[in-house]
């Protein structure tokens, strides 16, 4: 049995905690940007899941004697226009955006991947018509298309998920289509055809496993865009709705007080949005480098 006294104190400490060793082994070999982005994202996931257990104040409790109090020892991030603790609201406010954004991204990536797989594999009229439809849909500015749709049907978490997911589908389909067209010329696809496998079997059993890294990177990239898009829609009143402590709503509520020097509501909530987008960008960038052999 190995004597832990043979190792330096820092290594003995790690060796004494199996969970730490497992976490370290999970991150070993990954690019630093993936590790940093994942840890940052996990921080917000913990806030979303268990934030109510460690927030310093009730995030919905109003205190009209402490309205727009600047950051101090009692309220580290200050209070908002209703006297609510900004730090507590930021912690709890991560819940909705971390629910809506991944669901919207999942809808968009799933739909886009299926469309891209079919269009990429089949040549001729199917691909020609599908490609033109994708080009037509992508010609509309994303935020304009989403905003017009939500104005027409009304905002809610469900409609935001569906609208953003549908808007992302053509973008994902284009990327997946290009990856499939490159893969279908490989020898393993020709061998599958000669072996009598049908088109759907080749698409989903042969090609799909070989482009899963591309789809994963696309998912993480679109997730970052979804965080920013949902925050923007909430700022415009078309995304997550009150009484949520959503960050985009908080920025909209505090924006009018900037001219009076009341900066903390907008700045700290904006920093939270930026940190989420940055986390997903770091992960996507690192995974891309890892896939290309540069990690």
C-alpha atoms as a PDB file:
ATOM      1  CA  UNK A   1       0.000   0.000   0.000  1.00  0.00           C
ATOM      2  CA  UNK A   2       1.310   3.454  -0.918  1.00  0.00           C
ATOM      3  CA  UNK A   3       2.346   5.630   2.031  1.00  0.00           C
ATOM      4  CA  UNK A   4       0.791   9.075   1.648  1.00  0.00           C
ATOM      5  CA  UNK A   5       3.743  10.575   3.514  1.00  0.00           C
ATOM      6  CA  UNK A   6       5.808  10.007   0.368  1.00  0.00           C
ATOM      7  CA  UNK A   7       3.840  12.772  -1.367  1.00  0.00           C
ATOM      8  CA  UNK A   8       3.888  16.524  -0.749  1.00  0.00           C
ATOM      9  CA  UNK A   9       1.169  17.920   1.514  1.00  0.00           C
ATOM     10  CA  UNK A  10      -0.911  19.252  -1.383  1.00  0.00           C
ATOM     11  CA  UNK A  11      -0.941  15.884  -3.120  1.00  0.00           C
ATOM     12  CA  UNK A  12      -1.751  14.068   0.155  1.00  0.00           C
ATOM     13  CA  UNK A  13      -4.755  16.372   0.572  1.00  0.00           C
ATOM     14  CA  UNK A  14      -6.054  15.539  -2.883  1.00  0.00           C
ATOM     15  CA  UNK A  15      -5.367  11.815  -2.403  1.00  0.00           C
ATOM     16  CA  UNK A  16      -7.490  11.881   0.733  1.00  0.00           C
ATOM     17  CA  UNK A  17     -10.596  12.982  -1.168  1.00  0.00           C
ATOM     18  CA  UNK A  18     -11.776  10.510  -3.835  1.00  0.00           C
ATOM     19  CA  UNK A  19     -14.343  13.014  -5.153  1.00  0.00           C
ATOM     20  CA  UNK A  20     -11.580  15.537  -5.855  1.00  0.00           C
ATOM     21  CA  UNK A  21      -9.590  12.890  -7.693  1.00  0.00           C
ATOM     22  CA  UNK A  22     -12.617  11.968  -9.805  1.00  0.00           C
ATOM     23  CA  UNK A  23     -13.242  15.610 -10.710  1.00  0.00           C
ATOM     24  CA  UNK A  24      -9.581  16.060 -11.590  1.00  0.00           C
ATOM     25  CA  UNK A  25      -9.570  12.975 -13.801  1.00  0.00           C
ATOM     26  CA  UNK A  26     -12.756  14.141 -15.543  1.00  0.00           C
ATOM     27  CA  UNK A  27     -11.041  17.388 -16.569  1.00  0.00           C
ATOM     28  CA  UNK A  28      -7.658  15.857 -17.382  1.00  0.00           C
ATOM     29  CA  UNK A  29      -6.682  16.248 -21.006  1.00  0.00           C
ATOM     30  CA  UNK A  30      -9.277  18.930 -21.714  1.00  0.00           C
ATOM     31  CA  UNK A  31      -8.252  22.392 -22.914  1.00  0.00           C
ATOM     32  CA  UNK A  32      -8.088  25.005 -20.104  1.00  0.00           C
ATOM     33  CA  UNK A  33     -10.874  27.018 -21.731  1.00  0.00           C
ATOM     34  CA  UNK A  34     -13.236  24.037 -21.452  1.00  0.00           C
ATOM     35  CA  UNK A  35     -12.369  23.562 -17.785  1.00  0.00           C
ATOM     36  CA  UNK A  36     -12.838  27.250 -16.943  1.00  0.00           C
ATOM     37  CA  UNK A  37     -16.076  27.516 -18.924  1.00  0.00           C
ATOM     38  CA  UNK A  38     -17.484  24.326 -17.401  1.00  0.00           C
ATOM     39  CA  UNK A  39     -16.701  25.420 -13.836  1.00  0.00           C
ATOM     40  CA  UNK A  40     -18.303  28.804 -14.467  1.00  0.00           C
ATOM     41  CA  UNK A  41     -21.389  27.160 -15.948  1.00  0.00           C
ATOM     42  CA  UNK A  42     -21.580  24.690 -13.061  1.00  0.00           C
ATOM     43  CA  UNK A  43     -21.493  27.592 -10.612  1.00  0.00           C
ATOM     44  CA  UNK A  44     -24.656  29.033 -12.160  1.00  0.00           C
ATOM     45  CA  UNK A  45     -26.287  25.601 -12.298  1.00  0.00           C
ATOM     46  CA  UNK A  46     -25.729  25.249  -8.549  1.00  0.00           C
ATOM     47  CA  UNK A  47     -27.238  28.709  -8.049  1.00  0.00           C
ATOM     48  CA  UNK A  48     -30.251  27.753 -10.153  1.00  0.00           C
ATOM     49  CA  UNK A  49     -30.838  24.436  -8.395  1.00  0.00           C
ATOM     50  CA  UNK A  50     -30.003  25.305  -4.788  1.00  0.00           C
ATOM     51  CA  UNK A  51     -29.858  29.096  -4.714  1.00  0.00           C
ATOM     52  CA  UNK A  52     -32.766  29.393  -2.295  1.00  0.00           C
ATOM     53  CA  UNK A  53     -30.695  27.564   0.319  1.00  0.00           C
ATOM     54  CA  UNK A  54     -27.910  30.152   0.566  1.00  0.00           C
ATOM     55  CA  UNK A  55     -29.282  33.511  -0.608  1.00  0.00           C
ATOM     56  CA  UNK A  56     -28.687  36.169   2.085  1.00  0.00           C
ATOM     57  CA  UNK A  57     -32.207  37.641   1.738  1.00  0.00           C
ATOM     58  CA  UNK A  58     -35.593  36.721   0.379  1.00  0.00           C
ATOM     59  CA  UNK A  59     -35.191  37.783  -3.281  1.00  0.00           C
ATOM     60  CA  UNK A  60     -38.841  38.828  -3.507  1.00  0.00           C
ATOM     61  CA  UNK A  61     -39.112  40.689  -0.182  1.00  0.00           C
ATOM     62  CA  UNK A  62     -39.657  44.415  -0.710  1.00  0.00           C
ATOM     63  CA  UNK A  63     -38.172  47.007   1.644  1.00  0.00           C
ATOM     64  CA  UNK A  64     -39.312  50.519   0.804  1.00  0.00           C
ATOM     65  CA  UNK A  65     -36.918  51.969   3.407  1.00  0.00           C
ATOM     66  CA  UNK A  66     -33.921  50.560   1.510  1.00  0.00           C
ATOM     67  CA  UNK A  67     -34.770  51.346  -2.103  1.00  0.00           C
ATOM     68  CA  UNK A  68     -31.760  51.661  -4.445  1.00  0.00           C
ATOM     69  CA  UNK A  69     -29.248  51.321  -1.628  1.00  0.00           C
ATOM     70  CA  UNK A  70     -25.712  51.187  -3.079  1.00  0.00           C
ATOM     71  CA  UNK A  71     -23.493  48.159  -2.398  1.00  0.00           C
ATOM     72  CA  UNK A  72     -22.409  47.967   1.236  1.00  0.00           C
ATOM     73  CA  UNK A  73     -21.657  45.422   3.945  1.00  0.00           C
ATOM     74  CA  UNK A  74     -25.344  44.522   4.336  1.00  0.00           C
ATOM     75  CA  UNK A  75     -26.187  44.297   0.632  1.00  0.00           C
ATOM     76  CA  UNK A  76     -23.062  43.408  -1.310  1.00  0.00           C
ATOM     77  CA  UNK A  77     -24.663  44.172  -4.680  1.00  0.00           C
ATOM     78  CA  UNK A  78     -27.019  46.873  -3.374  1.00  0.00           C
ATOM     79  CA  UNK A  79     -30.807  46.883  -3.637  1.00  0.00           C
ATOM     80  CA  UNK A  80     -33.176  47.592  -6.507  1.00  0.00           C
ATOM     81  CA  UNK A  81     -35.984  50.131  -6.884  1.00  0.00           C
ATOM     82  CA  UNK A  82     -38.216  48.103  -4.557  1.00  0.00           C
ATOM     83  CA  UNK A  83     -35.569  47.529  -1.905  1.00  0.00           C
ATOM     84  CA  UNK A  84     -34.950  43.911  -2.909  1.00  0.00           C
ATOM     85  CA  UNK A  85     -31.452  42.496  -2.481  1.00  0.00           C
ATOM     86  CA  UNK A  86     -29.743  42.409  -5.884  1.00  0.00           C
ATOM     87  CA  UNK A  87     -27.328  39.583  -5.041  1.00  0.00           C
ATOM     88  CA  UNK A  88     -30.170  37.316  -3.889  1.00  0.00           C
ATOM     89  CA  UNK A  89     -32.157  38.090  -7.022  1.00  0.00           C
ATOM     90  CA  UNK A  90     -29.199  37.384  -9.297  1.00  0.00           C
ATOM     91  CA  UNK A  91     -28.636  33.989  -7.646  1.00  0.00           C
ATOM     92  CA  UNK A  92     -32.299  32.971  -7.906  1.00  0.00           C
ATOM     93  CA  UNK A  93     -32.724  34.685 -11.277  1.00  0.00           C
ATOM     94  CA  UNK A  94     -30.373  32.176 -12.885  1.00  0.00           C
ATOM     95  CA  UNK A  95     -33.121  29.548 -12.659  1.00  0.00           C
ATOM     96  CA  UNK A  96     -35.375  30.627 -15.513  1.00  0.00           C
ATOM     97  CA  UNK A  97     -32.662  31.443 -18.039  1.00  0.00           C
ATOM     98  CA  UNK A  98     -30.884  28.155 -17.297  1.00  0.00           C
ATOM     99  CA  UNK A  99     -34.142  26.312 -17.935  1.00  0.00           C
ATOM    100  CA  UNK A 100     -35.422  28.165 -20.993  1.00  0.00           C
ATOM    101  CA  UNK A 101     -32.129  28.577 -22.892  1.00  0.00           C
ATOM    102  CA  UNK A 102     -31.040  24.889 -22.852  1.00  0.00           C
ATOM    103  CA  UNK A 103     -34.552  23.746 -23.807  1.00  0.00           C
ATOM    104  CA  UNK A 104     -34.696  26.203 -26.705  1.00  0.00           C
ATOM    105  CA  UNK A 105     -31.241  25.136 -27.827  1.00  0.00           C
ATOM    106  CA  UNK A 106     -32.181  21.462 -27.583  1.00  0.00           C
ATOM    107  CA  UNK A 107     -35.256  22.038 -29.766  1.00  0.00           C
ATOM    108  CA  UNK A 108     -33.239  23.942 -32.350  1.00  0.00           C
ATOM    109  CA  UNK A 109     -30.313  21.512 -32.446  1.00  0.00           C
ATOM    110  CA  UNK A 110     -32.547  18.412 -32.565  1.00  0.00           C
ATOM    111  CA  UNK A 111     -34.722  19.783 -35.382  1.00  0.00           C
ATOM    112  CA  UNK A 112     -31.780  21.266 -37.250  1.00  0.00           C
ATOM    113  CA  UNK A 113     -29.743  18.066 -36.975  1.00  0.00           C
ATOM    114  CA  UNK A 114     -32.532  15.933 -38.427  1.00  0.00           C
ATOM    115  CA  UNK A 115     -33.067  18.387 -41.294  1.00  0.00           C
ATOM    116  CA  UNK A 116     -29.333  18.633 -41.939  1.00  0.00           C
ATOM    117  CA  UNK A 117     -28.862  14.865 -41.901  1.00  0.00           C
ATOM    118  CA  UNK A 118     -31.609  14.332 -44.472  1.00  0.00           C
ATOM    119  CA  UNK A 119     -30.594  17.194 -46.761  1.00  0.00           C
ATOM    120  CA  UNK A 120     -26.929  16.300 -46.563  1.00  0.00           C
ATOM    121  CA  UNK A 121     -27.445  12.677 -47.488  1.00  0.00           C
ATOM    122  CA  UNK A 122     -29.978  12.991 -50.284  1.00  0.00           C
ATOM    123  CA  UNK A 123     -28.900  14.792 -53.442  1.00  0.00           C
ATOM    124  CA  UNK A 124     -31.071  16.161 -56.195  1.00  0.00           C
ATOM    125  CA  UNK A 125     -34.403  17.896 -55.750  1.00  0.00           C
ATOM    126  CA  UNK A 126     -34.663  17.217 -52.003  1.00  0.00           C
ATOM    127  CA  UNK A 127     -31.375  18.917 -51.244  1.00  0.00           C
ATOM    128  CA  UNK A 128     -31.949  21.756 -53.721  1.00  0.00           C
ATOM    129  CA  UNK A 129     -35.373  22.697 -52.338  1.00  0.00           C
ATOM    130  CA  UNK A 130     -34.275  22.244 -48.725  1.00  0.00           C
ATOM    131  CA  UNK A 131     -31.148  24.362 -49.207  1.00  0.00           C
ATOM    132  CA  UNK A 132     -33.164  27.185 -50.776  1.00  0.00           C
ATOM    133  CA  UNK A 133     -35.649  27.109 -47.903  1.00  0.00           C
ATOM    134  CA  UNK A 134     -32.822  27.286 -45.382  1.00  0.00           C
ATOM    135  CA  UNK A 135     -31.295  30.240 -47.216  1.00  0.00           C
ATOM    136  CA  UNK A 136     -34.665  32.004 -47.232  1.00  0.00           C
ATOM    137  CA  UNK A 137     -35.190  31.513 -43.500  1.00  0.00           C
ATOM    138  CA  UNK A 138     -31.660  32.638 -42.674  1.00  0.00           C
ATOM    139  CA  UNK A 139     -32.114  35.793 -44.728  1.00  0.00           C
ATOM    140  CA  UNK A 140     -34.328  37.221 -41.972  1.00  0.00           C
ATOM    141  CA  UNK A 141     -32.418  38.860 -39.082  1.00  0.00           C
ATOM    142  CA  UNK A 142     -32.685  36.509 -36.128  1.00  0.00           C
ATOM    143  CA  UNK A 143     -33.767  38.992 -33.469  1.00  0.00           C
ATOM    144  CA  UNK A 144     -36.297  40.639 -35.823  1.00  0.00           C
ATOM    145  CA  UNK A 145     -37.855  37.272 -36.715  1.00  0.00           C
ATOM    146  CA  UNK A 146     -38.085  36.181 -33.071  1.00  0.00           C
ATOM    147  CA  UNK A 147     -39.405  39.550 -31.875  1.00  0.00           C
ATOM    148  CA  UNK A 148     -42.121  39.723 -34.533  1.00  0.00           C
ATOM    149  CA  UNK A 149     -43.245  36.182 -33.772  1.00  0.00           C
ATOM    150  CA  UNK A 150     -43.420  36.749 -30.010  1.00  0.00           C
ATOM    151  CA  UNK A 151     -45.321  40.005 -30.503  1.00  0.00           C
ATOM    152  CA  UNK A 152     -47.842  38.098 -32.613  1.00  0.00           C
ATOM    153  CA  UNK A 153     -48.383  35.085 -30.339  1.00  0.00           C
ATOM    154  CA  UNK A 154     -47.524  36.564 -26.931  1.00  0.00           C
ATOM    155  CA  UNK A 155     -44.561  35.916 -24.633  1.00  0.00           C
ATOM    156  CA  UNK A 156     -44.238  32.995 -22.235  1.00  0.00           C
ATOM    157  CA  UNK A 157     -41.487  30.543 -21.364  1.00  0.00           C
ATOM    158  CA  UNK A 158     -42.984  27.920 -23.690  1.00  0.00           C
ATOM    159  CA  UNK A 159     -43.326  30.261 -26.662  1.00  0.00           C
ATOM    160  CA  UNK A 160     -39.775  31.556 -26.131  1.00  0.00           C
ATOM    161  CA  UNK A 161     -38.459  27.978 -26.174  1.00  0.00           C
ATOM    162  CA  UNK A 162     -40.345  27.097 -29.351  1.00  0.00           C
ATOM    163  CA  UNK A 163     -39.664  30.338 -31.234  1.00  0.00           C
ATOM    164  CA  UNK A 164     -35.933  30.419 -30.493  1.00  0.00           C
ATOM    165  CA  UNK A 165     -35.647  26.685 -31.182  1.00  0.00           C
ATOM    166  CA  UNK A 166     -37.369  27.009 -34.557  1.00  0.00           C
ATOM    167  CA  UNK A 167     -35.265  30.063 -35.420  1.00  0.00           C
ATOM    168  CA  UNK A 168     -32.052  28.157 -34.626  1.00  0.00           C
ATOM    169  CA  UNK A 169     -33.008  25.055 -36.618  1.00  0.00           C
ATOM    170  CA  UNK A 170     -31.963  26.410 -40.078  1.00  0.00           C
ATOM    171  CA  UNK A 171     -28.596  27.583 -38.715  1.00  0.00           C
ATOM    172  CA  UNK A 172     -27.883  24.181 -37.204  1.00  0.00           C
ATOM    173  CA  UNK A 173     -29.174  22.390 -40.310  1.00  0.00           C
ATOM    174  CA  UNK A 174     -26.712  24.224 -42.529  1.00  0.00           C
ATOM    175  CA  UNK A 175     -23.748  23.167 -40.379  1.00  0.00           C
ATOM    176  CA  UNK A 176     -24.922  19.554 -40.073  1.00  0.00           C
ATOM    177  CA  UNK A 177     -25.697  19.355 -43.803  1.00  0.00           C
ATOM    178  CA  UNK A 178     -22.125  20.370 -44.648  1.00  0.00           C
ATOM    179  CA  UNK A 179     -20.713  17.791 -42.232  1.00  0.00           C
ATOM    180  CA  UNK A 180     -22.921  15.018 -43.662  1.00  0.00           C
ATOM    181  CA  UNK A 181     -21.960  15.829 -47.254  1.00  0.00           C
ATOM    182  CA  UNK A 182     -18.321  15.424 -46.294  1.00  0.00           C
ATOM    183  CA  UNK A 183     -18.922  12.162 -44.405  1.00  0.00           C
ATOM    184  CA  UNK A 184     -21.064  10.457 -47.013  1.00  0.00           C
ATOM    185  CA  UNK A 185     -18.083  10.246 -49.367  1.00  0.00           C
ATOM    186  CA  UNK A 186     -16.126   8.177 -46.845  1.00  0.00           C
ATOM    187  CA  UNK A 187     -15.404   4.511 -47.353  1.00  0.00           C
ATOM    188  CA  UNK A 188     -17.481   3.347 -44.386  1.00  0.00           C
ATOM    189  CA  UNK A 189     -20.627   4.809 -45.984  1.00  0.00           C
ATOM    190  CA  UNK A 190     -19.886   3.071 -49.290  1.00  0.00           C
ATOM    191  CA  UNK A 191     -19.333  -0.179 -47.408  1.00  0.00           C
ATOM    192  CA  UNK A 192     -22.688   0.251 -45.632  1.00  0.00           C
ATOM    193  CA  UNK A 193     -24.446   0.763 -48.967  1.00  0.00           C
ATOM    194  CA  UNK A 194     -22.790  -2.340 -50.410  1.00  0.00           C
ATOM    195  CA  UNK A 195     -23.847  -4.242 -47.296  1.00  0.00           C
ATOM    196  CA  UNK A 196     -27.491  -3.461 -48.093  1.00  0.00           C
ATOM    197  CA  UNK A 197     -28.202  -0.934 -45.345  1.00  0.00           C
ATOM    198  CA  UNK A 198     -31.059   1.450 -46.043  1.00  0.00           C
ATOM    199  CA  UNK A 199     -30.741   5.219 -46.234  1.00  0.00           C
ATOM    200  CA  UNK A 200     -32.152   5.861 -42.758  1.00  0.00           C
ATOM    201  CA  UNK A 201     -29.890   3.238 -41.193  1.00  0.00           C
ATOM    202  CA  UNK A 202     -26.848   4.805 -42.863  1.00  0.00           C
ATOM    203  CA  UNK A 203     -27.884   8.309 -41.793  1.00  0.00           C
ATOM    204  CA  UNK A 204     -28.633   7.588 -38.156  1.00  0.00           C
ATOM    205  CA  UNK A 205     -26.447   4.557 -37.407  1.00  0.00           C
ATOM    206  CA  UNK A 206     -23.365   5.285 -39.493  1.00  0.00           C
ATOM    207  CA  UNK A 207     -23.067   9.014 -40.236  1.00  0.00           C
ATOM    208  CA  UNK A 208     -24.657  10.503 -37.106  1.00  0.00           C
ATOM    209  CA  UNK A 209     -22.135   8.949 -34.648  1.00  0.00           C
ATOM    210  CA  UNK A 210     -19.304  10.361 -36.750  1.00  0.00           C
ATOM    211  CA  UNK A 211     -20.561  13.952 -36.601  1.00  0.00           C
ATOM    212  CA  UNK A 212     -21.581  13.991 -32.938  1.00  0.00           C
ATOM    213  CA  UNK A 213     -18.653  16.284 -32.065  1.00  0.00           C
ATOM    214  CA  UNK A 214     -19.846  18.796 -34.656  1.00  0.00           C
ATOM    215  CA  UNK A 215     -23.375  18.678 -33.231  1.00  0.00           C
ATOM    216  CA  UNK A 216     -22.066  19.030 -29.662  1.00  0.00           C
ATOM    217  CA  UNK A 217     -20.034  22.110 -30.561  1.00  0.00           C
ATOM    218  CA  UNK A 218     -23.031  23.531 -32.385  1.00  0.00           C
ATOM    219  CA  UNK A 219     -25.188  22.938 -29.300  1.00  0.00           C
ATOM    220  CA  UNK A 220     -22.776  24.722 -26.965  1.00  0.00           C
ATOM    221  CA  UNK A 221     -22.351  27.608 -29.411  1.00  0.00           C
ATOM    222  CA  UNK A 222     -26.108  28.042 -29.866  1.00  0.00           C
ATOM    223  CA  UNK A 223     -26.573  27.812 -26.100  1.00  0.00           C
ATOM    224  CA  UNK A 224     -24.437  30.908 -25.661  1.00  0.00           C
ATOM    225  CA  UNK A 225     -26.503  32.747 -28.275  1.00  0.00           C
ATOM    226  CA  UNK A 226     -29.679  31.558 -26.535  1.00  0.00           C
ATOM    227  CA  UNK A 227     -28.575  33.024 -23.200  1.00  0.00           C
ATOM    228  CA  UNK A 228     -27.963  36.391 -24.849  1.00  0.00           C
ATOM    229  CA  UNK A 229     -31.135  36.247 -26.975  1.00  0.00           C
ATOM    230  CA  UNK A 230     -33.395  35.414 -24.034  1.00  0.00           C
ATOM    231  CA  UNK A 231     -31.851  38.185 -21.936  1.00  0.00           C
ATOM    232  CA  UNK A 232     -32.424  40.603 -24.830  1.00  0.00           C
ATOM    233  CA  UNK A 233     -36.034  39.499 -25.250  1.00  0.00           C
ATOM    234  CA  UNK A 234     -36.651  39.817 -21.506  1.00  0.00           C
ATOM    235  CA  UNK A 235     -35.191  43.333 -21.626  1.00  0.00           C
ATOM    236  CA  UNK A 236     -37.710  44.136 -24.373  1.00  0.00           C
ATOM    237  CA  UNK A 237     -40.555  42.580 -22.373  1.00  0.00           C
ATOM    238  CA  UNK A 238     -40.953  39.647 -24.761  1.00  0.00           C
ATOM    239  CA  UNK A 239     -39.021  36.950 -22.933  1.00  0.00           C
ATOM    240  CA  UNK A 240     -39.268  35.651 -19.382  1.00  0.00           C
ATOM    241  CA  UNK A 241     -42.075  37.467 -17.602  1.00  0.00           C
ATOM    242  CA  UNK A 242     -42.489  38.932 -14.079  1.00  0.00           C
ATOM    243  CA  UNK A 243     -42.489  38.099 -11.226  1.00  0.00           C
ATOM    244  CA  UNK A 244     -39.343  36.212 -12.219  1.00  0.00           C
ATOM    245  CA  UNK A 245     -36.024  37.601 -10.974  1.00  0.00           C
ATOM    246  CA  UNK A 246     -34.682  37.187 -14.519  1.00  0.00           C
ATOM    247  CA  UNK A 247     -31.536  39.155 -15.296  1.00  0.00           C
ATOM    248  CA  UNK A 248     -32.855  40.709 -18.505  1.00  0.00           C
ATOM    249  CA  UNK A 249     -35.926  41.980 -16.673  1.00  0.00           C
ATOM    250  CA  UNK A 250     -33.711  43.408 -13.928  1.00  0.00           C
ATOM    251  CA  UNK A 251     -31.587  45.275 -16.481  1.00  0.00           C
ATOM    252  CA  UNK A 252     -34.744  46.744 -18.017  1.00  0.00           C
ATOM    253  CA  UNK A 253     -36.063  47.785 -14.603  1.00  0.00           C
ATOM    254  CA  UNK A 254     -32.795  49.393 -13.559  1.00  0.00           C
ATOM    255  CA  UNK A 255     -31.908  51.007 -16.888  1.00  0.00           C
ATOM    256  CA  UNK A 256     -33.843  54.200 -16.166  1.00  0.00           C
ATOM    257  CA  UNK A 257     -31.881  54.806 -12.970  1.00  0.00           C
ATOM    258  CA  UNK A 258     -28.461  54.885 -14.676  1.00  0.00           C
ATOM    259  CA  UNK A 259     -28.698  58.615 -15.332  1.00  0.00           C
ATOM    260  CA  UNK A 260     -29.080  59.146 -11.586  1.00  0.00           C
ATOM    261  CA  UNK A 261     -25.898  57.214 -10.834  1.00  0.00           C
ATOM    262  CA  UNK A 262     -27.734  54.075  -9.688  1.00  0.00           C
ATOM    263  CA  UNK A 263     -25.567  51.671 -11.682  1.00  0.00           C
ATOM    264  CA  UNK A 264     -25.446  48.489  -9.607  1.00  0.00           C
ATOM    265  CA  UNK A 265     -28.709  46.835 -10.699  1.00  0.00           C
ATOM    266  CA  UNK A 266     -27.802  47.078 -14.380  1.00  0.00           C
ATOM    267  CA  UNK A 267     -24.084  46.346 -14.018  1.00  0.00           C
ATOM    268  CA  UNK A 268     -24.290  43.266 -11.802  1.00  0.00           C
ATOM    269  CA  UNK A 269     -27.141  41.659 -13.744  1.00  0.00           C
ATOM    270  CA  UNK A 270     -25.357  42.406 -17.029  1.00  0.00           C
ATOM    271  CA  UNK A 271     -22.200  40.813 -15.627  1.00  0.00           C
ATOM    272  CA  UNK A 272     -24.185  37.665 -14.854  1.00  0.00           C
ATOM    273  CA  UNK A 273     -25.442  37.501 -18.454  1.00  0.00           C
ATOM    274  CA  UNK A 274     -21.940  38.077 -19.814  1.00  0.00           C
ATOM    275  CA  UNK A 275     -20.501  35.347 -17.579  1.00  0.00           C
ATOM    276  CA  UNK A 276     -22.949  32.760 -18.936  1.00  0.00           C
ATOM    277  CA  UNK A 277     -22.276  33.703 -22.549  1.00  0.00           C
ATOM    278  CA  UNK A 278     -18.535  33.721 -21.893  1.00  0.00           C
ATOM    279  CA  UNK A 279     -18.686  30.285 -20.239  1.00  0.00           C
ATOM    280  CA  UNK A 280     -20.376  28.680 -23.242  1.00  0.00           C
ATOM    281  CA  UNK A 281     -18.024  30.454 -25.675  1.00  0.00           C
ATOM    282  CA  UNK A 282     -15.004  29.158 -23.770  1.00  0.00           C
ATOM    283  CA  UNK A 283     -16.379  25.608 -23.847  1.00  0.00           C
ATOM    284  CA  UNK A 284     -17.223  25.789 -27.567  1.00  0.00           C
ATOM    285  CA  UNK A 285     -13.839  27.275 -28.429  1.00  0.00           C
ATOM    286  CA  UNK A 286     -12.006  24.624 -26.427  1.00  0.00           C
ATOM    287  CA  UNK A 287     -14.042  21.756 -27.877  1.00  0.00           C
ATOM    288  CA  UNK A 288     -13.380  23.054 -31.388  1.00  0.00           C
ATOM    289  CA  UNK A 289      -9.654  23.147 -30.758  1.00  0.00           C
ATOM    290  CA  UNK A 290      -9.802  19.707 -29.122  1.00  0.00           C
ATOM    291  CA  UNK A 291     -11.653  18.246 -32.136  1.00  0.00           C
ATOM    292  CA  UNK A 292      -9.079  19.737 -34.523  1.00  0.00           C
ATOM    293  CA  UNK A 293      -6.214  18.315 -32.482  1.00  0.00           C
ATOM    294  CA  UNK A 294      -5.029  21.685 -31.186  1.00  0.00           C
ATOM    295  CA  UNK A 295      -6.079  21.154 -27.539  1.00  0.00           C
END
